[in-house]
N, C-alpha and C. Protein backbone atom coordinates (compact mmCIF):
# COMPACT_ATOMS: atom_id res chain seq x y z
N UNK A 1 -49.05 23.86 -106.31
CA UNK A 1 -50.08 23.63 -105.60
C UNK A 1 -51.43 23.42 -106.18
N UNK A 2 -51.43 23.33 -107.59
CA UNK A 2 -52.69 23.19 -108.41
C UNK A 2 -52.88 24.10 -108.96
N UNK A 3 -53.64 24.08 -110.13
CA UNK A 3 -54.30 25.26 -110.85
C UNK A 3 -55.50 25.83 -110.63
N UNK A 4 -56.52 25.06 -109.97
CA UNK A 4 -57.82 25.66 -109.76
C UNK A 4 -58.02 26.00 -108.08
N UNK A 5 -58.38 27.22 -108.05
CA UNK A 5 -58.31 27.82 -106.59
C UNK A 5 -59.89 28.14 -106.67
N UNK A 6 -60.64 28.42 -105.35
CA UNK A 6 -61.70 28.54 -104.83
C UNK A 6 -61.57 29.94 -103.88
N UNK A 7 -62.43 30.59 -104.11
CA UNK A 7 -62.71 31.67 -103.16
C UNK A 7 -64.26 31.65 -102.87
N UNK A 8 -64.08 31.61 -101.57
CA UNK A 8 -65.70 31.30 -100.90
C UNK A 8 -65.85 32.52 -100.28
N UNK A 9 -66.74 33.39 -100.55
CA UNK A 9 -67.15 34.68 -100.10
C UNK A 9 -68.21 34.61 -98.82
N UNK A 10 -67.34 35.06 -97.54
CA UNK A 10 -68.20 34.45 -96.15
C UNK A 10 -68.12 35.92 -95.57
N UNK A 11 -67.95 37.19 -96.54
CA UNK A 11 -67.45 38.67 -95.43
C UNK A 11 -68.81 39.30 -95.10
N UNK A 12 -70.06 38.88 -95.57
CA UNK A 12 -71.02 39.89 -95.31
C UNK A 12 -71.43 39.77 -93.91
N UNK A 13 -72.24 40.81 -93.78
CA UNK A 13 -72.81 41.22 -92.11
C UNK A 13 -74.29 40.54 -91.97
N UNK A 14 -74.84 39.87 -93.07
CA UNK A 14 -75.91 39.43 -92.77
C UNK A 14 -76.99 39.93 -92.34
N UNK A 15 -77.05 41.24 -92.42
CA UNK A 15 -78.10 42.25 -91.91
C UNK A 15 -79.25 41.75 -92.02
N UNK A 16 -79.73 41.19 -93.71
CA UNK A 16 -81.07 40.82 -93.74
C UNK A 16 -81.59 39.71 -92.92
N UNK A 17 -80.52 38.89 -92.36
CA UNK A 17 -81.07 37.57 -91.51
C UNK A 17 -81.62 37.86 -90.25
N UNK A 18 -81.29 39.10 -89.90
CA UNK A 18 -82.16 39.54 -88.52
C UNK A 18 -81.34 38.80 -87.43
N UNK A 19 -80.20 38.59 -87.43
CA UNK A 19 -79.30 37.90 -86.13
C UNK A 19 -78.33 38.91 -85.92
N UNK A 20 -77.96 38.47 -84.65
CA UNK A 20 -76.65 38.94 -84.27
C UNK A 20 -75.17 38.52 -85.09
N UNK A 21 -75.40 37.37 -85.32
CA UNK A 21 -74.11 36.45 -85.88
C UNK A 21 -74.40 36.61 -87.31
N UNK A 22 -73.57 36.74 -88.28
CA UNK A 22 -73.57 36.75 -89.67
C UNK A 22 -74.19 35.32 -90.17
N UNK A 23 -75.24 35.54 -91.03
CA UNK A 23 -75.80 33.95 -91.45
C UNK A 23 -74.59 33.01 -91.77
N UNK A 24 -73.65 33.36 -92.43
CA UNK A 24 -72.77 32.27 -92.91
C UNK A 24 -72.37 31.28 -91.80
N UNK A 25 -72.66 31.92 -90.60
CA UNK A 25 -72.34 30.98 -89.24
C UNK A 25 -73.46 30.30 -88.75
N UNK A 26 -74.51 30.43 -89.45
CA UNK A 26 -75.53 29.80 -89.10
C UNK A 26 -75.77 28.40 -89.14
N UNK A 27 -76.07 27.55 -88.55
CA UNK A 27 -76.11 26.01 -88.77
C UNK A 27 -77.14 25.36 -89.63
N UNK A 28 -76.72 24.44 -90.46
CA UNK A 28 -77.52 23.97 -91.15
C UNK A 28 -77.16 22.31 -91.09
N UNK A 29 -77.90 21.52 -90.88
CA UNK A 29 -77.89 20.07 -90.41
C UNK A 29 -76.57 19.80 -89.83
N UNK A 30 -76.24 20.56 -88.76
CA UNK A 30 -74.92 20.29 -87.76
C UNK A 30 -74.06 20.85 -88.46
N UNK A 31 -73.89 21.59 -89.29
CA UNK A 31 -72.52 22.49 -89.86
C UNK A 31 -72.89 23.76 -89.92
N UNK A 32 -72.17 24.70 -89.99
CA UNK A 32 -72.42 26.19 -90.35
C UNK A 32 -72.45 26.40 -91.75
N UNK A 33 -73.24 27.12 -92.43
CA UNK A 33 -73.51 27.62 -93.65
C UNK A 33 -71.72 27.25 -94.46
N UNK A 34 -71.29 28.00 -93.79
CA UNK A 34 -69.70 28.28 -94.39
C UNK A 34 -68.94 26.90 -94.62
N UNK A 35 -69.36 25.88 -93.40
CA UNK A 35 -68.64 24.73 -93.59
C UNK A 35 -69.16 23.88 -95.06
N UNK A 36 -70.35 24.18 -95.13
CA UNK A 36 -71.04 23.24 -96.35
C UNK A 36 -70.32 23.56 -97.60
N UNK A 37 -70.09 25.42 -97.87
CA UNK A 37 -69.32 25.61 -98.92
C UNK A 37 -68.00 25.38 -98.98
N UNK A 38 -67.30 25.19 -97.91
CA UNK A 38 -65.75 24.97 -97.99
C UNK A 38 -65.81 23.45 -98.24
N UNK A 39 -66.54 22.67 -97.86
CA UNK A 39 -66.46 21.17 -98.24
C UNK A 39 -66.36 21.12 -99.71
N UNK A 40 -67.40 21.35 -100.20
CA UNK A 40 -67.85 21.16 -101.53
C UNK A 40 -66.40 21.81 -102.42
N UNK A 41 -66.09 23.10 -102.14
CA UNK A 41 -65.19 23.89 -102.61
C UNK A 41 -63.88 22.91 -102.74
N UNK A 42 -63.48 22.64 -101.62
CA UNK A 42 -62.27 21.91 -101.30
C UNK A 42 -62.39 20.37 -102.02
N UNK A 43 -63.49 19.96 -102.29
CA UNK A 43 -63.47 18.52 -102.77
C UNK A 43 -63.28 18.93 -104.47
N UNK A 44 -63.45 19.94 -104.90
CA UNK A 44 -63.46 20.26 -106.38
C UNK A 44 -62.47 20.85 -106.90
N UNK A 45 -61.69 21.74 -105.77
CA UNK A 45 -60.79 22.43 -106.41
C UNK A 45 -59.40 22.20 -105.53
N UNK A 46 -58.35 22.78 -106.18
CA UNK A 46 -56.95 22.29 -105.50
C UNK A 46 -56.70 23.30 -104.11
N UNK A 47 -57.13 24.29 -104.21
CA UNK A 47 -56.78 24.98 -102.78
C UNK A 47 -58.19 26.07 -102.74
N UNK A 48 -58.33 26.48 -101.62
CA UNK A 48 -59.34 27.39 -101.26
C UNK A 48 -58.95 28.49 -100.37
N UNK A 49 -59.43 29.78 -100.62
CA UNK A 49 -59.45 30.80 -99.85
C UNK A 49 -60.81 31.38 -99.29
N UNK A 50 -60.84 31.55 -98.12
CA UNK A 50 -62.09 31.89 -97.71
C UNK A 50 -62.05 33.66 -96.89
N UNK A 51 -62.83 34.27 -97.56
CA UNK A 51 -62.99 35.62 -97.04
C UNK A 51 -63.99 35.91 -95.92
N UNK A 52 -63.49 36.29 -94.81
CA UNK A 52 -64.22 36.44 -93.60
C UNK A 52 -64.46 38.01 -93.22
N UNK A 53 -65.47 38.24 -92.37
CA UNK A 53 -65.55 39.63 -91.93
C UNK A 53 -64.41 39.78 -90.81
N UNK A 54 -63.95 40.86 -90.78
CA UNK A 54 -63.01 41.34 -89.92
C UNK A 54 -63.23 40.98 -88.50
N UNK A 55 -64.32 41.03 -88.12
CA UNK A 55 -64.89 40.89 -86.49
C UNK A 55 -65.03 39.54 -86.42
N UNK A 56 -64.90 38.66 -87.23
CA UNK A 56 -64.92 37.03 -87.33
C UNK A 56 -63.71 36.27 -87.71
N UNK A 57 -62.90 37.35 -87.98
CA UNK A 57 -61.35 36.77 -88.62
C UNK A 57 -61.07 35.58 -88.46
N UNK A 58 -61.20 35.21 -86.61
CA UNK A 58 -60.41 34.24 -86.20
C UNK A 58 -61.42 32.89 -85.96
N UNK A 59 -62.30 33.06 -86.75
CA UNK A 59 -63.27 31.74 -86.96
C UNK A 59 -62.68 30.71 -87.16
N UNK A 60 -62.99 29.52 -86.80
CA UNK A 60 -62.33 28.23 -87.13
C UNK A 60 -62.51 27.84 -88.51
N UNK A 61 -61.81 27.43 -89.52
CA UNK A 61 -62.05 26.80 -90.42
C UNK A 61 -61.06 25.48 -90.67
N UNK A 62 -61.30 24.64 -91.95
CA UNK A 62 -60.30 23.35 -91.96
C UNK A 62 -58.84 23.73 -92.25
N UNK A 63 -58.35 23.06 -91.94
CA UNK A 63 -56.56 23.00 -92.27
C UNK A 63 -56.41 23.10 -93.61
N UNK A 64 -55.65 24.15 -94.14
CA UNK A 64 -55.32 24.24 -95.21
C UNK A 64 -56.04 25.29 -96.05
N UNK A 65 -57.23 25.65 -95.59
CA UNK A 65 -57.73 26.79 -95.99
C UNK A 65 -57.36 28.18 -95.58
N UNK A 66 -56.87 28.81 -96.68
CA UNK A 66 -56.27 30.38 -96.25
C UNK A 66 -57.53 31.09 -95.98
N UNK A 67 -57.18 32.20 -95.10
CA UNK A 67 -58.02 33.36 -94.52
C UNK A 67 -57.79 34.54 -95.15
N UNK A 68 -58.83 35.31 -95.44
CA UNK A 68 -58.41 36.99 -95.85
C UNK A 68 -59.57 37.51 -95.17
N UNK A 69 -59.40 38.89 -94.84
CA UNK A 69 -60.25 39.61 -94.44
C UNK A 69 -61.08 40.24 -95.73
N UNK A 70 -62.35 40.28 -95.50
CA UNK A 70 -63.05 41.11 -96.69
C UNK A 70 -63.30 42.55 -96.51
N UNK A 71 -63.87 43.29 -97.73
CA UNK A 71 -63.96 44.45 -97.91
C UNK A 71 -65.59 44.92 -97.39
N UNK A 72 -65.59 46.13 -98.01
CA UNK A 72 -67.05 46.71 -97.63
C UNK A 72 -68.18 46.41 -98.61
N UNK A 73 -67.54 45.70 -99.91
CA UNK A 73 -68.85 45.27 -100.82
C UNK A 73 -68.63 43.95 -100.97
N UNK A 74 -69.08 43.21 -101.80
CA UNK A 74 -68.93 41.70 -102.28
C UNK A 74 -67.76 41.67 -103.09
N UNK A 75 -67.86 42.96 -104.39
CA UNK A 75 -66.44 42.96 -105.21
C UNK A 75 -65.04 43.10 -104.50
N UNK A 76 -65.50 44.08 -103.42
CA UNK A 76 -64.29 44.10 -102.81
C UNK A 76 -63.67 42.96 -101.97
N UNK A 77 -64.66 42.23 -101.65
CA UNK A 77 -64.16 41.03 -101.15
C UNK A 77 -63.76 40.29 -102.09
N UNK A 78 -64.13 39.96 -102.90
CA UNK A 78 -63.69 38.88 -104.10
C UNK A 78 -62.16 39.26 -104.51
N UNK A 79 -62.06 40.79 -104.47
CA UNK A 79 -60.52 41.06 -104.65
C UNK A 79 -59.80 40.62 -103.63
N UNK A 80 -60.21 40.64 -102.54
CA UNK A 80 -59.37 40.67 -101.33
C UNK A 80 -58.93 38.92 -101.51
N UNK A 81 -59.87 38.24 -101.88
CA UNK A 81 -59.48 36.75 -102.09
C UNK A 81 -58.63 36.73 -103.35
N UNK A 82 -58.82 37.17 -104.19
CA UNK A 82 -58.27 37.19 -105.52
C UNK A 82 -56.98 37.33 -105.27
N UNK A 83 -56.46 38.28 -104.42
CA UNK A 83 -55.07 38.95 -104.08
C UNK A 83 -54.44 37.57 -103.20
N UNK A 84 -55.18 36.74 -102.77
CA UNK A 84 -54.47 35.80 -102.20
C UNK A 84 -54.18 34.73 -103.05
N UNK A 85 -54.80 34.63 -104.05
CA UNK A 85 -54.40 33.34 -105.03
C UNK A 85 -53.03 33.69 -106.15
N UNK A 86 -52.40 32.69 -105.94
CA UNK A 86 -50.83 32.84 -106.75
C UNK A 86 -51.04 33.40 -108.12
N UNK A 87 -50.21 33.91 -109.00
CA UNK A 87 -50.16 34.44 -110.19
C UNK A 87 -50.18 33.16 -111.18
N UNK A 88 -49.61 31.94 -110.54
CA UNK A 88 -49.86 30.82 -111.73
C UNK A 88 -51.14 30.04 -111.67
N UNK A 89 -51.93 30.52 -110.74
CA UNK A 89 -53.38 29.81 -110.78
C UNK A 89 -53.98 29.83 -112.49
N UNK A 90 -54.61 28.86 -112.80
CA UNK A 90 -55.08 28.98 -114.04
C UNK A 90 -56.33 29.27 -113.95
N UNK A 91 -57.66 28.74 -112.99
CA UNK A 91 -59.01 28.55 -112.98
C UNK A 91 -59.05 29.17 -111.57
N UNK A 92 -60.04 29.99 -111.45
CA UNK A 92 -60.69 30.45 -110.06
C UNK A 92 -62.00 30.67 -110.20
N UNK A 93 -62.61 29.99 -109.00
CA UNK A 93 -63.94 29.51 -108.72
C UNK A 93 -64.41 30.42 -107.57
N UNK A 94 -65.59 31.17 -107.65
CA UNK A 94 -66.07 32.09 -106.57
C UNK A 94 -67.25 31.74 -106.55
N UNK A 95 -67.56 31.50 -104.88
CA UNK A 95 -68.55 30.94 -104.40
C UNK A 95 -69.13 31.51 -103.24
N UNK A 96 -70.37 31.60 -103.22
CA UNK A 96 -71.01 32.30 -101.93
C UNK A 96 -71.19 31.18 -100.97
N UNK A 97 -70.74 31.70 -99.76
CA UNK A 97 -71.13 30.70 -98.28
C UNK A 97 -72.45 30.67 -98.12
N UNK A 98 -73.45 31.44 -98.65
CA UNK A 98 -74.67 31.46 -98.47
C UNK A 98 -75.55 30.70 -99.37
N UNK A 99 -74.59 29.91 -100.12
CA UNK A 99 -75.14 28.82 -100.98
C UNK A 99 -74.73 27.40 -100.49
N UNK A 100 -75.12 26.75 -99.38
CA UNK A 100 -74.71 25.57 -98.63
C UNK A 100 -74.90 24.54 -99.63
N UNK A 101 -76.01 24.73 -100.11
CA UNK A 101 -76.15 23.10 -100.84
C UNK A 101 -75.60 22.92 -102.36
N UNK A 102 -74.47 23.61 -102.84
CA UNK A 102 -74.00 23.64 -103.96
C UNK A 102 -72.96 22.41 -103.72
N UNK A 103 -73.45 21.29 -104.91
CA UNK A 103 -72.92 20.20 -104.69
C UNK A 103 -71.31 20.19 -105.36
N UNK A 104 -70.51 19.33 -105.17
CA UNK A 104 -69.35 19.09 -105.88
C UNK A 104 -69.42 19.03 -107.43
N UNK A 105 -70.60 18.51 -107.63
CA UNK A 105 -70.86 18.19 -109.37
C UNK A 105 -70.98 19.41 -109.92
N UNK A 106 -71.46 20.61 -109.24
CA UNK A 106 -71.84 22.03 -109.68
C UNK A 106 -70.74 22.46 -110.17
N UNK A 107 -69.63 22.46 -108.90
CA UNK A 107 -68.27 23.08 -109.02
C UNK A 107 -67.37 22.40 -110.30
N UNK A 108 -67.66 20.93 -110.48
CA UNK A 108 -67.06 20.42 -111.56
C UNK A 108 -67.57 20.97 -113.16
N UNK A 109 -68.69 20.92 -113.03
CA UNK A 109 -69.45 21.68 -114.56
C UNK A 109 -68.92 22.97 -114.71
N UNK A 110 -68.77 24.05 -113.88
CA UNK A 110 -68.34 25.12 -114.40
C UNK A 110 -66.61 24.91 -114.44
N UNK A 111 -66.05 24.34 -113.74
CA UNK A 111 -64.76 24.23 -114.09
C UNK A 111 -64.38 23.71 -115.32
N UNK A 112 -65.30 22.55 -115.83
CA UNK A 112 -64.94 21.81 -117.04
C UNK A 112 -65.37 22.95 -118.23
N UNK A 113 -66.16 23.69 -118.04
CA UNK A 113 -66.54 24.58 -119.10
C UNK A 113 -65.52 25.72 -119.41
N UNK A 114 -64.69 26.00 -118.22
CA UNK A 114 -63.68 26.93 -118.46
C UNK A 114 -62.21 26.20 -119.16
N UNK A 115 -62.18 24.81 -118.68
CA UNK A 115 -61.09 23.96 -119.25
C UNK A 115 -61.55 23.75 -120.61
N UNK A 116 -62.92 23.90 -121.31
CA UNK A 116 -63.06 23.57 -122.53
C UNK A 116 -63.05 24.87 -123.19
N UNK A 117 -62.79 26.27 -122.93
CA UNK A 117 -62.44 26.90 -123.59
C UNK A 117 -63.07 28.69 -123.16
N UNK A 118 -64.17 28.36 -122.40
CA UNK A 118 -64.72 29.75 -122.02
C UNK A 118 -64.15 30.56 -120.91
N UNK A 119 -64.26 31.70 -121.20
CA UNK A 119 -63.60 32.71 -120.28
C UNK A 119 -64.30 32.67 -118.93
N UNK A 120 -65.24 32.14 -118.73
CA UNK A 120 -66.29 31.98 -117.68
C UNK A 120 -67.45 31.18 -117.70
N UNK A 121 -67.80 30.54 -116.47
CA UNK A 121 -69.02 29.54 -116.45
C UNK A 121 -69.92 29.99 -115.39
N UNK A 122 -71.04 29.65 -115.65
CA UNK A 122 -71.88 30.08 -114.33
C UNK A 122 -73.09 29.13 -114.38
N UNK A 123 -73.53 28.71 -113.16
CA UNK A 123 -74.77 27.84 -113.24
C UNK A 123 -75.95 28.55 -113.62
N UNK A 124 -76.63 28.25 -114.37
CA UNK A 124 -78.29 28.83 -114.27
C UNK A 124 -79.49 27.86 -114.37
N UNK A 125 -80.59 28.36 -113.74
CA UNK A 125 -81.72 27.68 -113.78
C UNK A 125 -82.88 28.28 -114.73
N UNK A 126 -83.84 27.63 -115.13
CA UNK A 126 -84.74 28.18 -115.98
C UNK A 126 -85.63 29.28 -115.16
N UNK A 127 -86.04 29.94 -115.56
CA UNK A 127 -87.22 31.12 -114.79
C UNK A 127 -88.65 30.87 -114.76
N UNK A 128 -89.02 30.32 -113.94
CA UNK A 128 -90.75 29.65 -114.25
C UNK A 128 -91.49 31.17 -114.22
N UNK A 129 -91.18 32.03 -113.49
CA UNK A 129 -92.45 33.36 -113.83
C UNK A 129 -92.18 34.09 -114.70
N UNK A 130 -93.22 34.74 -115.38
CA UNK A 130 -92.98 36.08 -116.17
C UNK A 130 -92.48 37.17 -115.70
N UNK A 131 -91.64 37.51 -116.44
CA UNK A 131 -90.44 38.77 -115.58
C UNK A 131 -90.89 39.85 -116.67
N UNK A 132 -91.13 41.16 -115.73
CA UNK A 132 -91.29 42.27 -116.65
C UNK A 132 -90.15 43.49 -116.28
N UNK A 133 -89.92 44.17 -117.10
CA UNK A 133 -88.92 45.14 -117.00
C UNK A 133 -89.65 46.72 -116.87
N UNK A 134 -89.42 47.28 -115.91
CA UNK A 134 -90.06 48.56 -115.61
C UNK A 134 -89.21 49.64 -115.52
N UNK A 135 -89.79 50.82 -115.50
CA UNK A 135 -89.09 52.04 -115.61
C UNK A 135 -89.03 52.57 -113.95
N UNK A 136 -88.84 53.90 -114.02
CA UNK A 136 -88.55 54.52 -112.48
C UNK A 136 -89.70 54.82 -112.06
N UNK A 137 -91.16 54.84 -113.03
CA UNK A 137 -92.29 55.05 -112.38
C UNK A 137 -93.07 53.93 -112.19
N UNK A 138 -92.43 52.69 -112.46
CA UNK A 138 -93.04 51.28 -112.32
C UNK A 138 -93.95 51.02 -113.30
N UNK A 139 -93.87 51.56 -114.55
CA UNK A 139 -94.65 51.11 -115.73
C UNK A 139 -93.85 50.27 -116.42
N UNK A 140 -94.20 48.98 -117.32
CA UNK A 140 -93.58 47.97 -117.53
C UNK A 140 -93.33 48.58 -119.15
N UNK A 141 -91.83 48.31 -119.30
CA UNK A 141 -91.43 48.64 -120.55
C UNK A 141 -91.09 47.31 -121.45
N UNK A 142 -91.08 46.27 -120.80
CA UNK A 142 -90.62 45.11 -121.65
C UNK A 142 -91.02 44.08 -120.97
N UNK A 143 -91.57 42.85 -121.66
CA UNK A 143 -91.70 41.57 -121.08
C UNK A 143 -90.70 40.62 -121.92
N UNK A 144 -89.56 40.33 -121.27
CA UNK A 144 -88.46 39.49 -122.01
C UNK A 144 -89.17 38.13 -122.01
N UNK A 145 -88.89 37.14 -123.22
CA UNK A 145 -89.26 35.81 -123.35
C UNK A 145 -88.36 35.03 -122.27
N UNK A 146 -89.22 34.52 -121.51
CA UNK A 146 -88.44 33.71 -120.24
C UNK A 146 -87.50 32.43 -120.57
N UNK A 147 -88.17 32.11 -121.95
CA UNK A 147 -87.07 30.96 -122.38
C UNK A 147 -85.85 31.04 -122.69
N UNK A 148 -85.49 32.46 -122.84
CA UNK A 148 -84.30 32.98 -123.09
C UNK A 148 -83.41 33.43 -121.71
N UNK A 149 -84.17 33.42 -120.63
CA UNK A 149 -83.76 33.90 -119.33
C UNK A 149 -83.19 32.81 -118.15
N UNK A 150 -82.58 33.10 -117.51
CA UNK A 150 -81.65 32.21 -116.27
C UNK A 150 -81.07 32.92 -115.34
N UNK A 151 -81.79 32.18 -114.24
CA UNK A 151 -81.48 32.49 -112.78
C UNK A 151 -80.20 32.00 -112.44
N UNK A 152 -79.01 32.97 -112.16
CA UNK A 152 -77.72 32.48 -112.10
C UNK A 152 -77.41 32.32 -110.55
N UNK A 153 -76.66 31.41 -110.55
CA UNK A 153 -76.13 31.08 -109.10
C UNK A 153 -74.81 31.02 -109.11
N UNK A 154 -74.22 30.93 -108.04
CA UNK A 154 -72.66 30.29 -107.76
C UNK A 154 -72.57 28.86 -107.27
N UNK A 155 -71.47 28.23 -107.68
CA UNK A 155 -70.01 28.56 -108.03
C UNK A 155 -70.23 29.48 -109.55
N UNK A 156 -69.12 30.09 -109.82
CA UNK A 156 -68.87 30.83 -111.06
C UNK A 156 -67.23 30.43 -111.27
N UNK A 157 -66.92 29.83 -112.32
CA UNK A 157 -65.52 29.55 -112.75
C UNK A 157 -65.02 30.62 -113.83
N UNK A 158 -63.86 30.89 -113.51
CA UNK A 158 -63.36 31.85 -114.53
C UNK A 158 -61.85 31.41 -114.76
N UNK A 159 -61.34 31.73 -116.13
CA UNK A 159 -59.97 32.11 -116.16
C UNK A 159 -59.23 33.04 -115.20
N UNK A 160 -58.38 32.69 -114.43
CA UNK A 160 -57.78 33.51 -113.58
C UNK A 160 -57.18 34.62 -114.15
N UNK A 161 -56.89 34.60 -115.01
CA UNK A 161 -56.30 35.95 -115.61
C UNK A 161 -57.28 36.72 -116.15
N UNK A 162 -58.36 36.28 -116.69
CA UNK A 162 -59.50 37.10 -117.03
C UNK A 162 -60.29 37.57 -116.15
N UNK A 163 -60.47 37.04 -115.00
CA UNK A 163 -60.88 37.63 -113.96
C UNK A 163 -60.09 38.66 -113.00
N UNK A 164 -58.69 38.33 -113.08
CA UNK A 164 -58.00 39.52 -112.60
C UNK A 164 -58.36 41.08 -113.61
N UNK A 165 -58.28 40.67 -114.84
CA UNK A 165 -58.45 41.90 -115.42
C UNK A 165 -59.91 42.32 -115.22
N UNK A 166 -60.76 41.75 -114.91
CA UNK A 166 -62.35 42.06 -114.78
C UNK A 166 -62.26 43.03 -113.77
N UNK A 167 -61.54 42.57 -112.54
CA UNK A 167 -61.65 43.17 -111.23
C UNK A 167 -60.40 44.33 -111.27
N UNK A 168 -59.51 44.62 -112.32
CA UNK A 168 -58.54 45.31 -112.21
C UNK A 168 -58.93 47.02 -111.80
N UNK A 169 -60.30 47.24 -112.58
CA UNK A 169 -60.36 48.67 -112.22
C UNK A 169 -61.13 48.88 -111.05
N UNK A 170 -61.50 47.87 -110.17
CA UNK A 170 -62.38 47.97 -108.76
C UNK A 170 -63.80 48.43 -109.25
N UNK A 171 -64.21 47.75 -110.17
CA UNK A 171 -65.61 47.85 -110.47
C UNK A 171 -66.48 47.02 -109.45
N UNK A 172 -67.98 47.44 -109.28
CA UNK A 172 -68.74 46.66 -108.57
C UNK A 172 -69.93 46.07 -109.52
N UNK A 173 -70.21 44.88 -108.84
CA UNK A 173 -71.22 44.15 -109.70
C UNK A 173 -71.96 43.19 -108.83
N UNK A 174 -73.30 42.60 -108.92
CA UNK A 174 -73.78 41.71 -108.01
C UNK A 174 -73.22 40.03 -108.24
N UNK A 175 -72.70 40.13 -109.31
CA UNK A 175 -71.80 38.52 -109.41
C UNK A 175 -70.76 39.08 -110.23
N UNK A 176 -69.59 38.05 -110.29
CA UNK A 176 -68.20 38.38 -111.21
C UNK A 176 -68.37 38.13 -112.68
N UNK A 177 -69.40 37.38 -112.97
CA UNK A 177 -69.63 37.26 -114.40
C UNK A 177 -70.03 38.61 -115.10
N UNK A 178 -70.60 39.61 -114.17
CA UNK A 178 -71.02 40.89 -114.80
C UNK A 178 -69.83 41.65 -115.34
N UNK A 179 -68.89 41.40 -114.34
CA UNK A 179 -67.59 42.41 -114.74
C UNK A 179 -66.78 41.62 -115.86
N UNK A 180 -66.85 40.10 -115.89
CA UNK A 180 -66.20 39.42 -117.05
C UNK A 180 -66.65 39.89 -118.35
N UNK A 181 -68.16 39.78 -118.33
CA UNK A 181 -69.06 40.08 -119.28
C UNK A 181 -68.84 41.52 -119.89
N UNK A 182 -68.40 42.38 -118.87
CA UNK A 182 -68.19 43.92 -119.33
C UNK A 182 -67.03 43.98 -120.16
N UNK A 183 -65.96 42.82 -119.94
CA UNK A 183 -64.55 42.87 -120.83
C UNK A 183 -64.98 42.55 -122.37
N UNK A 184 -66.08 41.96 -122.45
CA UNK A 184 -66.50 41.29 -124.19
C UNK A 184 -66.12 39.82 -123.80
N UNK A 185 -65.69 39.21 -122.70
CA UNK A 185 -65.39 38.27 -122.62
C UNK A 185 -66.58 37.13 -122.69
N UNK A 186 -66.07 35.87 -122.98
CA UNK A 186 -67.14 34.85 -123.21
C UNK A 186 -67.50 34.17 -121.97
N UNK A 187 -68.87 34.22 -121.30
CA UNK A 187 -69.22 33.43 -120.21
C UNK A 187 -70.50 32.51 -120.78
N UNK A 188 -70.28 31.39 -120.32
CA UNK A 188 -71.45 30.25 -121.05
C UNK A 188 -72.41 29.92 -119.39
N UNK A 189 -73.31 29.53 -120.02
CA UNK A 189 -74.31 29.07 -118.60
C UNK A 189 -74.30 27.53 -119.00
N UNK A 190 -73.70 27.11 -117.72
CA UNK A 190 -74.39 25.57 -117.48
C UNK A 190 -75.31 25.20 -116.78
N UNK A 191 -75.88 23.84 -116.70
CA UNK A 191 -77.13 23.50 -115.87
C UNK A 191 -76.83 23.67 -114.38
N UNK A 192 -77.97 24.57 -113.90
CA UNK A 192 -77.64 24.91 -112.36
C UNK A 192 -78.49 23.65 -111.67
N UNK A 193 -78.52 24.08 -110.28
CA UNK A 193 -79.33 23.16 -109.42
C UNK A 193 -80.38 24.01 -108.66
N UNK A 194 -81.98 23.52 -109.07
CA UNK A 194 -82.97 24.33 -108.25
C UNK A 194 -82.93 24.15 -106.94
N UNK A 195 -81.97 23.15 -106.18
CA UNK A 195 -81.92 23.19 -104.82
C UNK A 195 -80.70 24.12 -104.15
N UNK A 196 -80.05 24.55 -105.12
CA UNK A 196 -78.89 25.59 -104.54
C UNK A 196 -79.35 26.77 -104.18
N UNK A 197 -79.95 26.65 -103.01
CA UNK A 197 -80.70 27.78 -102.61
C UNK A 197 -79.95 28.91 -101.64
N UNK A 198 -80.25 30.20 -102.06
CA UNK A 198 -79.31 31.13 -101.63
C UNK A 198 -80.08 31.52 -100.15
N UNK A 199 -79.38 31.57 -98.82
CA UNK A 199 -80.01 31.71 -97.71
C UNK A 199 -79.73 33.29 -97.58
N UNK A 200 -81.00 33.80 -97.65
CA UNK A 200 -81.37 35.28 -97.29
C UNK A 200 -81.79 35.75 -96.06
N UNK A 201 -82.69 35.16 -95.71
CA UNK A 201 -83.61 35.07 -94.23
C UNK A 201 -83.86 33.96 -93.76
N UNK A 202 -84.29 33.93 -92.65
CA UNK A 202 -84.61 32.37 -91.68
C UNK A 202 -85.15 31.64 -92.39
N UNK A 203 -86.30 32.13 -93.21
CA UNK A 203 -87.36 30.99 -93.85
C UNK A 203 -86.63 30.35 -94.59
N UNK A 204 -85.58 30.83 -95.39
CA UNK A 204 -84.64 30.26 -96.45
C UNK A 204 -83.89 29.21 -95.55
N UNK A 205 -83.47 29.13 -94.62
CA UNK A 205 -82.81 28.13 -93.79
C UNK A 205 -83.64 26.94 -93.31
N UNK A 206 -84.99 27.35 -93.18
CA UNK A 206 -85.78 26.13 -93.11
C UNK A 206 -85.95 25.36 -94.45
N UNK A 207 -86.35 26.16 -95.24
CA UNK A 207 -86.44 25.46 -96.65
C UNK A 207 -85.06 24.63 -96.87
N UNK A 208 -83.99 25.13 -96.66
CA UNK A 208 -82.89 24.18 -96.74
C UNK A 208 -82.60 22.85 -96.17
N UNK A 209 -82.99 23.14 -94.58
CA UNK A 209 -83.15 21.84 -93.98
C UNK A 209 -84.00 20.77 -94.54
N UNK A 210 -85.28 21.39 -95.27
CA UNK A 210 -86.01 20.27 -95.83
C UNK A 210 -85.41 19.68 -96.83
N UNK A 211 -84.64 20.67 -97.67
CA UNK A 211 -84.12 19.97 -98.99
C UNK A 211 -82.73 19.30 -98.74
N UNK A 212 -81.97 19.67 -97.61
CA UNK A 212 -81.10 18.47 -97.00
C UNK A 212 -81.40 17.03 -96.53
N UNK A 213 -82.68 17.25 -95.69
CA UNK A 213 -83.31 16.08 -95.44
C UNK A 213 -83.67 15.18 -96.54
N UNK A 214 -84.30 16.02 -97.75
CA UNK A 214 -84.81 15.05 -98.85
C UNK A 214 -83.51 14.54 -99.41
N UNK A 215 -82.23 15.13 -99.24
CA UNK A 215 -81.28 14.56 -100.24
C UNK A 215 -80.66 13.60 -99.42
N UNK A 216 -80.79 13.47 -98.24
CA UNK A 216 -80.31 12.57 -97.50
C UNK A 216 -81.06 11.46 -97.32
N UNK A 217 -82.22 11.48 -97.65
CA UNK A 217 -83.48 10.41 -97.44
C UNK A 217 -82.96 9.13 -98.28
């Protein structure tokens, strides 16, 4: 069946989006956000699993895409997708449906980095603003050198065996790379895409439309 599997995480409620329908079902350029994610994942990977909310499990997805029900957290949903990936898979790519503008080339970059020997690979872009680390009282305790910082995106690719180990304890993190890093495994950063916008609120959808129009021009 091929050794590269993609897990597209589309199980969130999208409560911050302010709509009755989860944001991953919102339209961008005539397609749902999750359709854009599935298209890129399907072009770059051998097989695709999509993790859907229980309330929308009957949503129409392309033929050949496996569907599973998500959990209460993002990490739970990734684990649900991972359970559907066969044991002989070599690489697993995790991607958020809320990033519809991730191109096939971005998937290929992270996959290539894992094939080259990394346990995991994530796309990252330079941080343009000065970043401050603060304590609970709001006091600045550190100003990291932004030259050493990257804003990390999805898709993220991993050795399937390492990703399974990272999730075995049922831990929680904002991305899968953090769980892999906690094992002491090697995660590398490849060039991300500044246009790989995460859709969080309605304004982001407007920005994505502009970026999509510019890309198609």
